[in-house]
Amino acid sequence: MEFVLAGDVNVKVTVTETADGCLEFTVEVMEGEMTADLNGLFFDFGDPDLVGSLTADGADITNSQFEYDAVDNLGGGVNIKGELVNDTDLFDIGVRFGTSGMAKDDIQMTSFTLSHPDYDLSLADIENMDFGVRMTSVGEIDGSRDGSLKIGGTAPEATVLDGVDDPDGTPVDNDIPIDEPVVDEPIADLPIDGMPPDEPIDAQPTAEDALLSDTPPEQIDPVDGPTEEPVLDGTDLPWLEPLTDEEIAAFDEPEDLIADPMPIG
């Protein structure tokens, strides 16, 4: 999830789910004519019952508070009071970064991890939640930077991409089991009808076979798809029934051309 809190200085907030059930936050001052020192991030959380047991860990964190609808001041001038909140609409979580002003630090980008000891967190816990950022040392990059700023906004809905199973966003084809390797086999080696490739495969009868066979055509299984023309090499000739004695005698009798004259004209 990524969204921008807009103001005189824009701040981008990126939140990702981790494999161990945490939320990784990155808060960054966006490039522009003006810059600022990040002092604190305030935001709401979806489940009030989980707020009190949440923790935030990060290298720049110097203070944090977790209390449902009760956080607006992290001390040292890092507060979000004023136009963004009122006494009946405070934040649930507040995280302070470094110190106020840029005398000891000047933070334009920072990260931290939000976790719960008993529950896995997800982007759904912060979708449509209110966010606020407190900044000091606001001004032009090469200027005096003596201003301060409070900006706020709302996180978008947590979208789930179809076919994305891993926390890092790696696309997964759900039609292929990810624990079984996909092997490209040569077509000639693939088994046909469950037969191993090293066993001979009986050719199916063709229409030409019906003409050379004693089997009635209606008893020959039809063949789907185009067939190849048969090649007869002498070994594929059909078996013929032997001639009877009467048929042999008929061949041995000479023709009587006079008794049976050939018609002329």
C-alpha atoms as a PDB file:
ATOM      1  CA  MET A   1       0.000   0.000   0.000  1.00  0.00           C
ATOM      2  CA  GLU A   2       1.307   3.432  -0.924  1.00  0.00           C
ATOM      3  CA  PHE A   3      -0.279   6.865  -0.529  1.00  0.00           C
ATOM      4  CA  VAL A   4       0.694  10.533  -0.235  1.00  0.00           C
ATOM      5  CA  LEU A   5      -0.187  13.012   2.494  1.00  0.00           C
ATOM      6  CA  ALA A   6      -0.336  16.293   0.602  1.00  0.00           C
ATOM      7  CA  GLY A   7       0.669  19.731   1.863  1.00  0.00           C
ATOM      8  CA  ASP A   8       3.343  22.375   1.409  1.00  0.00           C
ATOM      9  CA  VAL A   9       5.684  19.407   1.758  1.00  0.00           C
ATOM     10  CA  ASN A  10       4.321  16.092   0.488  1.00  0.00           C
ATOM     11  CA  VAL A  11       4.999  12.914   2.454  1.00  0.00           C
ATOM     12  CA  LYS A  12       4.761   9.422   0.957  1.00  0.00           C
ATOM     13  CA  VAL A  13       3.782   6.527   3.217  1.00  0.00           C
ATOM     14  CA  THR A  14       4.455   2.958   2.075  1.00  0.00           C
ATOM     15  CA  VAL A  15       3.177  -0.020   4.068  1.00  0.00           C
ATOM     16  CA  THR A  16       3.889  -3.668   3.253  1.00  0.00           C
ATOM     17  CA  GLU A  17       2.984  -6.945   4.908  1.00  0.00           C
ATOM     18  CA  THR A  18       5.897  -9.109   6.041  1.00  0.00           C
ATOM     19  CA  ALA A  19       6.091 -12.900   6.061  1.00  0.00           C
ATOM     20  CA  ASP A  20       6.039 -13.000   9.872  1.00  0.00           C
ATOM     21  CA  GLY A  21       2.768 -11.075  10.243  1.00  0.00           C
ATOM     22  CA  CYS A  22       4.098  -7.531  10.739  1.00  0.00           C
ATOM     23  CA  LEU A  23       3.577  -4.256   8.885  1.00  0.00           C
ATOM     24  CA  GLU A  24       6.650  -2.480   7.541  1.00  0.00           C
ATOM     25  CA  PHE A  25       6.220   1.324   7.320  1.00  0.00           C
ATOM     26  CA  THR A  26       8.376   3.687   5.272  1.00  0.00           C
ATOM     27  CA  VAL A  27       7.762   7.437   5.647  1.00  0.00           C
ATOM     28  CA  GLU A  28       9.497   9.719   3.155  1.00  0.00           C
ATOM     29  CA  VAL A  29       9.576  13.451   2.402  1.00  0.00           C
ATOM     30  CA  MET A  30       9.039  13.748  -1.334  1.00  0.00           C
ATOM     31  CA  GLU A  31      11.355  15.833  -3.476  1.00  0.00           C
ATOM     32  CA  GLY A  32      10.248  19.385  -4.211  1.00  0.00           C
ATOM     33  CA  GLU A  33      11.181  23.010  -3.728  1.00  0.00           C
ATOM     34  CA  MET A  34      10.731  22.621   0.032  1.00  0.00           C
ATOM     35  CA  THR A  35      11.838  19.962   2.497  1.00  0.00           C
ATOM     36  CA  ALA A  36      11.338  19.178   6.196  1.00  0.00           C
ATOM     37  CA  ASP A  37      12.510  17.147   9.167  1.00  0.00           C
ATOM     38  CA  LEU A  38      10.144  14.260   9.994  1.00  0.00           C
ATOM     39  CA  ASN A  39       9.188  14.336  13.679  1.00  0.00           C
ATOM     40  CA  GLY A  40       6.218  12.003  14.092  1.00  0.00           C
ATOM     41  CA  LEU A  41       3.593   9.823  12.452  1.00  0.00           C
ATOM     42  CA  PHE A  42       0.090   9.467  13.907  1.00  0.00           C
ATOM     43  CA  PHE A  43      -2.587   7.069  12.664  1.00  0.00           C
ATOM     44  CA  ASP A  44      -5.660   5.032  13.559  1.00  0.00           C
ATOM     45  CA  PHE A  45      -5.962   1.244  13.702  1.00  0.00           C
ATOM     46  CA  GLY A  46      -8.878  -0.946  12.645  1.00  0.00           C
ATOM     47  CA  ASP A  47      -9.262  -3.177  15.709  1.00  0.00           C
ATOM     48  CA  PRO A  48      -9.453  -1.249  19.014  1.00  0.00           C
ATOM     49  CA  ASP A  49      -8.869  -4.437  21.034  1.00  0.00           C
ATOM     50  CA  LEU A  50      -5.395  -4.918  19.522  1.00  0.00           C
ATOM     51  CA  VAL A  51      -4.108  -1.354  19.886  1.00  0.00           C
ATOM     52  CA  GLY A  52      -2.828  -1.621  23.461  1.00  0.00           C
ATOM     53  CA  SER A  53      -0.518  -4.569  22.677  1.00  0.00           C
ATOM     54  CA  LEU A  54       1.045  -3.185  19.498  1.00  0.00           C
ATOM     55  CA  THR A  55       4.739  -2.272  19.350  1.00  0.00           C
ATOM     56  CA  ALA A  56       6.809  -0.221  16.911  1.00  0.00           C
ATOM     57  CA  ASP A  57      10.507  -0.900  16.285  1.00  0.00           C
ATOM     58  CA  GLY A  58      12.805   1.295  14.211  1.00  0.00           C
ATOM     59  CA  ALA A  59      16.259   2.881  14.327  1.00  0.00           C
ATOM     60  CA  ASP A  60      14.907   6.461  14.470  1.00  0.00           C
ATOM     61  CA  ILE A  61      12.076   5.893  16.986  1.00  0.00           C
ATOM     62  CA  THR A  62      12.482   7.866  20.216  1.00  0.00           C
ATOM     63  CA  ASN A  63       8.945   7.515  21.584  1.00  0.00           C
ATOM     64  CA  SER A  64       5.678   5.742  20.791  1.00  0.00           C
ATOM     65  CA  GLN A  65       2.151   5.599  22.203  1.00  0.00           C
ATOM     66  CA  PHE A  66      -0.664   3.081  21.676  1.00  0.00           C
ATOM     67  CA  GLU A  67      -4.098   3.909  23.053  1.00  0.00           C
ATOM     68  CA  TYR A  68      -7.394   3.817  21.234  1.00  0.00           C
ATOM     69  CA  ASP A  69      -8.649   7.317  20.322  1.00  0.00           C
ATOM     70  CA  ALA A  70      -6.276   9.007  22.795  1.00  0.00           C
ATOM     71  CA  VAL A  71      -2.963   9.901  21.080  1.00  0.00           C
ATOM     72  CA  ASP A  72      -2.088  13.397  19.881  1.00  0.00           C
ATOM     73  CA  ASN A  73       1.107  14.391  21.720  1.00  0.00           C
ATOM     74  CA  LEU A  74       4.439  12.532  21.818  1.00  0.00           C
ATOM     75  CA  GLY A  75       6.324  15.181  23.800  1.00  0.00           C
ATOM     76  CA  GLY A  76       9.056  17.581  22.783  1.00  0.00           C
ATOM     77  CA  GLY A  77       6.657  19.564  20.651  1.00  0.00           C
ATOM     78  CA  VAL A  78       5.763  16.536  18.508  1.00  0.00           C
ATOM     79  CA  ASN A  79       1.987  16.813  18.569  1.00  0.00           C
ATOM     80  CA  ILE A  80      -0.821  16.764  16.072  1.00  0.00           C
ATOM     81  CA  LYS A  81      -3.228  19.117  17.882  1.00  0.00           C
ATOM     82  CA  GLY A  82      -5.088  21.769  15.981  1.00  0.00           C
ATOM     83  CA  GLU A  83      -6.923  21.526  12.703  1.00  0.00           C
ATOM     84  CA  LEU A  84      -6.342  17.802  12.153  1.00  0.00           C
ATOM     85  CA  VAL A  85      -7.871  16.514  15.372  1.00  0.00           C
ATOM     86  CA  ASN A  86     -10.133  17.490  18.231  1.00  0.00           C
ATOM     87  CA  ASP A  87     -10.803  16.105  21.687  1.00  0.00           C
ATOM     88  CA  THR A  88     -13.306  13.543  20.390  1.00  0.00           C
ATOM     89  CA  ASP A  89     -11.257  12.296  17.425  1.00  0.00           C
ATOM     90  CA  LEU A  90      -7.698  11.553  18.480  1.00  0.00           C
ATOM     91  CA  PHE A  91      -5.385   8.968  16.962  1.00  0.00           C
ATOM     92  CA  ASP A  92      -4.733   5.414  18.174  1.00  0.00           C
ATOM     93  CA  ILE A  93      -0.985   5.246  17.480  1.00  0.00           C
ATOM     94  CA  GLY A  94       1.833   7.777  17.570  1.00  0.00           C
ATOM     95  CA  VAL A  95       5.497   7.219  16.634  1.00  0.00           C
ATOM     96  CA  ARG A  96       8.144   9.885  17.187  1.00  0.00           C
ATOM     97  CA  PHE A  97      11.315  10.085  15.067  1.00  0.00           C
ATOM     98  CA  GLY A  98      14.582  11.580  16.337  1.00  0.00           C
ATOM     99  CA  THR A  99      14.489  15.028  17.942  1.00  0.00           C
ATOM    100  CA  SER A 100      12.608  18.201  17.135  1.00  0.00           C
ATOM    101  CA  GLY A 101      14.387  20.385  14.613  1.00  0.00           C
ATOM    102  CA  MET A 102      17.434  19.622  12.511  1.00  0.00           C
ATOM    103  CA  ALA A 103      20.086  20.610  15.060  1.00  0.00           C
ATOM    104  CA  LYS A 104      20.825  16.963  15.991  1.00  0.00           C
ATOM    105  CA  ASP A 105      19.180  15.101  13.130  1.00  0.00           C
ATOM    106  CA  ASP A 106      17.419  15.878   9.868  1.00  0.00           C
ATOM    107  CA  ILE A 107      15.239  12.950   8.884  1.00  0.00           C
ATOM    108  CA  GLN A 108      13.725  12.904   5.407  1.00  0.00           C
ATOM    109  CA  MET A 109      13.073   9.155   5.307  1.00  0.00           C
ATOM    110  CA  THR A 110      12.638   6.528   8.007  1.00  0.00           C
ATOM    111  CA  SER A 111      11.221   3.036   8.480  1.00  0.00           C
ATOM    112  CA  PHE A 112       9.760   1.027  11.327  1.00  0.00           C
ATOM    113  CA  THR A 113       7.946  -2.253  11.945  1.00  0.00           C
ATOM    114  CA  LEU A 114       4.542  -2.513  13.616  1.00  0.00           C
ATOM    115  CA  SER A 115       3.779  -5.868  15.275  1.00  0.00           C
ATOM    116  CA  HIS A 116       1.486  -7.660  17.715  1.00  0.00           C
ATOM    117  CA  PRO A 117       2.612 -10.552  19.952  1.00  0.00           C
ATOM    118  CA  ASP A 118      -0.436 -12.735  19.269  1.00  0.00           C
ATOM    119  CA  TYR A 119      -1.905 -11.710  15.928  1.00  0.00           C
ATOM    120  CA  ASP A 120      -0.691 -11.377  12.349  1.00  0.00           C
ATOM    121  CA  LEU A 121      -1.263  -7.872  11.046  1.00  0.00           C
ATOM    122  CA  SER A 122      -2.385  -7.052   7.522  1.00  0.00           C
ATOM    123  CA  LEU A 123      -3.029  -4.017   5.353  1.00  0.00           C
ATOM    124  CA  ALA A 124      -6.716  -4.386   6.180  1.00  0.00           C
ATOM    125  CA  ASP A 125      -5.891  -3.149   9.702  1.00  0.00           C
ATOM    126  CA  ILE A 126      -5.038   0.322   8.397  1.00  0.00           C
ATOM    127  CA  GLU A 127      -7.174   0.661   5.279  1.00  0.00           C
ATOM    128  CA  ASN A 128      -9.345   3.792   5.266  1.00  0.00           C
ATOM    129  CA  MET A 129      -7.667   4.917   8.501  1.00  0.00           C
ATOM    130  CA  ASP A 130      -6.704   8.553   9.214  1.00  0.00           C
ATOM    131  CA  PHE A 131      -2.999   9.483   9.171  1.00  0.00           C
ATOM    132  CA  GLY A 132      -1.139  12.598  10.261  1.00  0.00           C
ATOM    133  CA  VAL A 133       2.507  13.742  10.061  1.00  0.00           C
ATOM    134  CA  ARG A 134       4.302  16.328  12.194  1.00  0.00           C
ATOM    135  CA  MET A 135       7.312  18.085  10.635  1.00  0.00           C
ATOM    136  CA  THR A 136       9.686  20.859  11.714  1.00  0.00           C
ATOM    137  CA  SER A 137      12.560  22.674   9.981  1.00  0.00           C
ATOM    138  CA  VAL A 138      10.286  23.249   7.004  1.00  0.00           C
ATOM    139  CA  GLY A 139      11.553  25.458   4.209  1.00  0.00           C
ATOM    140  CA  GLU A 140      13.479  25.679   0.979  1.00  0.00           C
ATOM    141  CA  ILE A 141      16.337  23.229   0.687  1.00  0.00           C
ATOM    142  CA  ASP A 142      18.990  25.951   0.726  1.00  0.00           C
ATOM    143  CA  GLY A 143      16.923  28.384   2.827  1.00  0.00           C
ATOM    144  CA  SER A 144      16.473  29.044   6.524  1.00  0.00           C
ATOM    145  CA  ARG A 145      14.004  26.179   7.096  1.00  0.00           C
ATOM    146  CA  ASP A 146      12.409  27.749  10.147  1.00  0.00           C
ATOM    147  CA  GLY A 147       8.800  26.603   9.590  1.00  0.00           C
ATOM    148  CA  SER A 148       6.707  23.753  10.968  1.00  0.00           C
ATOM    149  CA  LEU A 149       3.925  21.735   9.403  1.00  0.00           C
ATOM    150  CA  LYS A 150       1.126  19.286  10.210  1.00  0.00           C
ATOM    151  CA  ILE A 151      -0.542  17.425   7.347  1.00  0.00           C
ATOM    152  CA  GLY A 152      -3.020  14.572   7.213  1.00  0.00           C
ATOM    153  CA  GLY A 153      -4.953  12.229   4.976  1.00  0.00           C
ATOM    154  CA  THR A 154      -6.629   8.840   4.726  1.00  0.00           C
ATOM    155  CA  ALA A 155      -5.102   5.517   3.711  1.00  0.00           C
ATOM    156  CA  PRO A 156      -6.672   3.784   0.698  1.00  0.00           C
ATOM    157  CA  GLU A 157      -8.395   0.416   0.716  1.00  0.00           C
ATOM    158  CA  ALA A 158      -6.172  -2.641   0.900  1.00  0.00           C
ATOM    159  CA  THR A 159      -6.357  -4.317  -2.497  1.00  0.00           C
ATOM    160  CA  VAL A 160      -5.546  -8.010  -3.002  1.00  0.00           C
ATOM    161  CA  LEU A 161      -4.142  -8.887  -6.426  1.00  0.00           C
ATOM    162  CA  ASP A 162      -5.537 -12.002  -8.106  1.00  0.00           C
ATOM    163  CA  GLY A 163      -2.891 -14.740  -8.398  1.00  0.00           C
ATOM    164  CA  VAL A 164      -0.524 -13.096  -5.930  1.00  0.00           C
ATOM    165  CA  ASP A 165       0.208 -15.418  -3.060  1.00  0.00           C
ATOM    166  CA  ASP A 166       3.570 -14.356  -1.664  1.00  0.00           C
ATOM    167  CA  PRO A 167       4.026 -11.388   0.732  1.00  0.00           C
ATOM    168  CA  ASP A 168       6.634  -9.884  -1.608  1.00  0.00           C
ATOM    169  CA  GLY A 169       4.107  -9.706  -4.440  1.00  0.00           C
ATOM    170  CA  THR A 170       5.509 -12.567  -6.532  1.00  0.00           C
ATOM    171  CA  PRO A 171       2.887 -13.626  -9.104  1.00  0.00           C
ATOM    172  CA  VAL A 172       1.836 -17.250  -8.785  1.00  0.00           C
ATOM    173  CA  ASP A 173      -0.010 -19.236 -11.452  1.00  0.00           C
ATOM    174  CA  ASN A 174      -2.713 -20.962  -9.421  1.00  0.00           C
ATOM    175  CA  ASP A 175      -3.217 -23.552 -12.163  1.00  0.00           C
ATOM    176  CA  ILE A 176       0.242 -25.033 -11.551  1.00  0.00           C
ATOM    177  CA  PRO A 177       1.167 -26.518  -8.149  1.00  0.00           C
ATOM    178  CA  ILE A 178       4.129 -24.453  -6.948  1.00  0.00           C
ATOM    179  CA  ASP A 179       5.686 -27.459  -5.184  1.00  0.00           C
ATOM    180  CA  GLU A 180       5.851 -29.520  -8.383  1.00  0.00           C
ATOM    181  CA  PRO A 181       8.417 -28.582 -11.050  1.00  0.00           C
ATOM    182  CA  VAL A 182       7.157 -28.058 -14.569  1.00  0.00           C
ATOM    183  CA  VAL A 183       9.266 -30.093 -17.007  1.00  0.00           C
ATOM    184  CA  ASP A 184       9.143 -29.636 -20.760  1.00  0.00           C
ATOM    185  CA  GLU A 185       9.185 -33.152 -22.260  1.00  0.00           C
ATOM    186  CA  PRO A 186       9.733 -33.935 -25.954  1.00  0.00           C
ATOM    187  CA  ILE A 187       6.459 -34.763 -27.633  1.00  0.00           C
ATOM    188  CA  ALA A 188       7.791 -38.137 -28.866  1.00  0.00           C
ATOM    189  CA  ASP A 189       8.471 -39.241 -25.293  1.00  0.00           C
ATOM    190  CA  LEU A 190       5.039 -38.461 -23.921  1.00  0.00           C
ATOM    191  CA  PRO A 191       2.879 -41.530 -23.154  1.00  0.00           C
ATOM    192  CA  ILE A 192      -0.296 -41.992 -25.208  1.00  0.00           C
ATOM    193  CA  ASP A 193      -3.453 -43.350 -23.568  1.00  0.00           C
ATOM    194  CA  GLY A 194      -1.479 -44.299 -20.470  1.00  0.00           C
ATOM    195  CA  MET A 195       1.015 -46.508 -22.391  1.00  0.00           C
ATOM    196  CA  PRO A 196       4.737 -46.215 -21.646  1.00  0.00           C
ATOM    197  CA  PRO A 197       6.654 -44.597 -24.536  1.00  0.00           C
ATOM    198  CA  ASP A 198       8.884 -47.686 -25.027  1.00  0.00           C
ATOM    199  CA  GLU A 199       5.972 -49.999 -25.924  1.00  0.00           C
ATOM    200  CA  PRO A 200       4.742 -50.247 -29.553  1.00  0.00           C
ATOM    201  CA  ILE A 201       1.462 -48.570 -30.304  1.00  0.00           C
ATOM    202  CA  ASP A 202      -1.007 -50.368 -32.570  1.00  0.00           C
ATOM    203  CA  ALA A 203      -2.073 -48.234 -35.495  1.00  0.00           C
ATOM    204  CA  GLN A 204      -5.756 -47.537 -35.700  1.00  0.00           C
ATOM    205  CA  PRO A 205      -7.564 -48.892 -38.818  1.00  0.00           C
ATOM    206  CA  THR A 206      -8.054 -46.473 -41.672  1.00  0.00           C
ATOM    207  CA  ALA A 207     -10.730 -46.320 -44.348  1.00  0.00           C
ATOM    208  CA  GLU A 208      -8.328 -48.049 -46.779  1.00  0.00           C
ATOM    209  CA  ASP A 209      -7.927 -50.921 -44.319  1.00  0.00           C
ATOM    210  CA  ALA A 210     -11.658 -51.551 -44.592  1.00  0.00           C
ATOM    211  CA  LEU A 211     -11.313 -52.187 -48.348  1.00  0.00           C
ATOM    212  CA  LEU A 212      -8.528 -54.735 -47.799  1.00  0.00           C
ATOM    213  CA  SER A 213     -10.157 -56.575 -44.908  1.00  0.00           C
ATOM    214  CA  ASP A 214     -12.853 -59.204 -44.510  1.00  0.00           C
ATOM    215  CA  THR A 215     -14.274 -57.263 -41.589  1.00  0.00           C
ATOM    216  CA  PRO A 216     -17.530 -55.486 -42.487  1.00  0.00           C
ATOM    217  CA  PRO A 217     -17.065 -51.679 -42.616  1.00  0.00           C
ATOM    218  CA  GLU A 218     -19.673 -51.104 -39.910  1.00  0.00           C
ATOM    219  CA  GLN A 219     -17.511 -53.093 -37.438  1.00  0.00           C
ATOM    220  CA  ILE A 220     -14.441 -50.947 -37.962  1.00  0.00           C
ATOM    221  CA  ASP A 221     -14.023 -48.146 -35.447  1.00  0.00           C
ATOM    222  CA  PRO A 222     -14.132 -44.697 -37.025  1.00  0.00           C
ATOM    223  CA  VAL A 223     -10.904 -42.733 -37.044  1.00  0.00           C
ATOM    224  CA  ASP A 224     -10.948 -39.137 -35.861  1.00  0.00           C
ATOM    225  CA  GLY A 225      -9.002 -36.596 -37.834  1.00  0.00           C
ATOM    226  CA  PRO A 226      -7.040 -36.877 -41.083  1.00  0.00           C
ATOM    227  CA  THR A 227      -5.310 -40.177 -41.950  1.00  0.00           C
ATOM    228  CA  GLU A 228      -2.253 -40.897 -44.062  1.00  0.00           C
ATOM    229  CA  GLU A 229      -2.433 -42.812 -47.350  1.00  0.00           C
ATOM    230  CA  PRO A 230      -1.308 -46.447 -46.875  1.00  0.00           C
ATOM    231  CA  VAL A 231       1.927 -47.540 -48.539  1.00  0.00           C
ATOM    232  CA  LEU A 232       1.790 -51.125 -49.845  1.00  0.00           C
ATOM    233  CA  ASP A 233       5.213 -52.762 -50.207  1.00  0.00           C
ATOM    234  CA  GLY A 234       4.078 -56.310 -51.056  1.00  0.00           C
ATOM    235  CA  THR A 235       4.012 -57.505 -47.479  1.00  0.00           C
ATOM    236  CA  ASP A 236       0.771 -55.725 -46.755  1.00  0.00           C
ATOM    237  CA  LEU A 237      -1.275 -57.441 -49.534  1.00  0.00           C
ATOM    238  CA  PRO A 238      -4.542 -59.056 -48.433  1.00  0.00           C
ATOM    239  CA  TRP A 239      -4.984 -62.821 -48.148  1.00  0.00           C
ATOM    240  CA  LEU A 240      -7.171 -64.256 -50.992  1.00  0.00           C
ATOM    241  CA  GLU A 241      -9.360 -67.346 -50.771  1.00  0.00           C
ATOM    242  CA  PRO A 242      -7.984 -70.299 -52.887  1.00  0.00           C
ATOM    243  CA  LEU A 243      -9.821 -71.152 -56.158  1.00  0.00           C
ATOM    244  CA  THR A 244     -12.154 -74.149 -56.266  1.00  0.00           C
ATOM    245  CA  ASP A 245     -11.636 -77.073 -58.666  1.00  0.00           C
ATOM    246  CA  GLU A 246     -14.495 -75.850 -60.848  1.00  0.00           C
ATOM    247  CA  GLU A 247     -12.910 -72.380 -61.098  1.00  0.00           C
ATOM    248  CA  ILE A 248      -9.544 -73.912 -62.030  1.00  0.00           C
ATOM    249  CA  ALA A 249     -11.176 -76.160 -64.690  1.00  0.00           C
ATOM    250  CA  ALA A 250     -12.951 -73.165 -66.169  1.00  0.00           C
ATOM    251  CA  PHE A 251      -9.604 -71.424 -66.683  1.00  0.00           C
ATOM    252  CA  ASP A 252      -8.144 -74.566 -68.385  1.00  0.00           C
ATOM    253  CA  GLU A 253     -10.954 -74.906 -71.014  1.00  0.00           C
ATOM    254  CA  PRO A 254      -9.925 -73.404 -74.435  1.00  0.00           C
ATOM    255  CA  GLU A 255     -12.170 -70.850 -76.013  1.00  0.00           C
ATOM    256  CA  ASP A 256     -14.272 -72.012 -78.989  1.00  0.00           C
ATOM    257  CA  LEU A 257     -13.998 -69.000 -81.238  1.00  0.00           C
ATOM    258  CA  ILE A 258     -16.192 -70.614 -83.923  1.00  0.00           C
ATOM    259  CA  ALA A 259     -18.997 -71.715 -81.620  1.00  0.00           C
ATOM    260  CA  ASP A 260     -18.918 -68.409 -79.941  1.00  0.00           C
ATOM    261  CA  PRO A 261     -17.838 -65.982 -82.637  1.00  0.00           C
ATOM    262  CA  MET A 262     -16.668 -62.543 -81.674  1.00  0.00           C
ATOM    263  CA  PRO A 263     -19.174 -59.914 -82.724  1.00  0.00           C
ATOM    264  CA  ILE A 264     -17.989 -57.661 -85.542  1.00  0.00           C
ATOM    265  CA  GLY A 265     -18.979 -54.080 -85.883  1.00  0.00           C
END
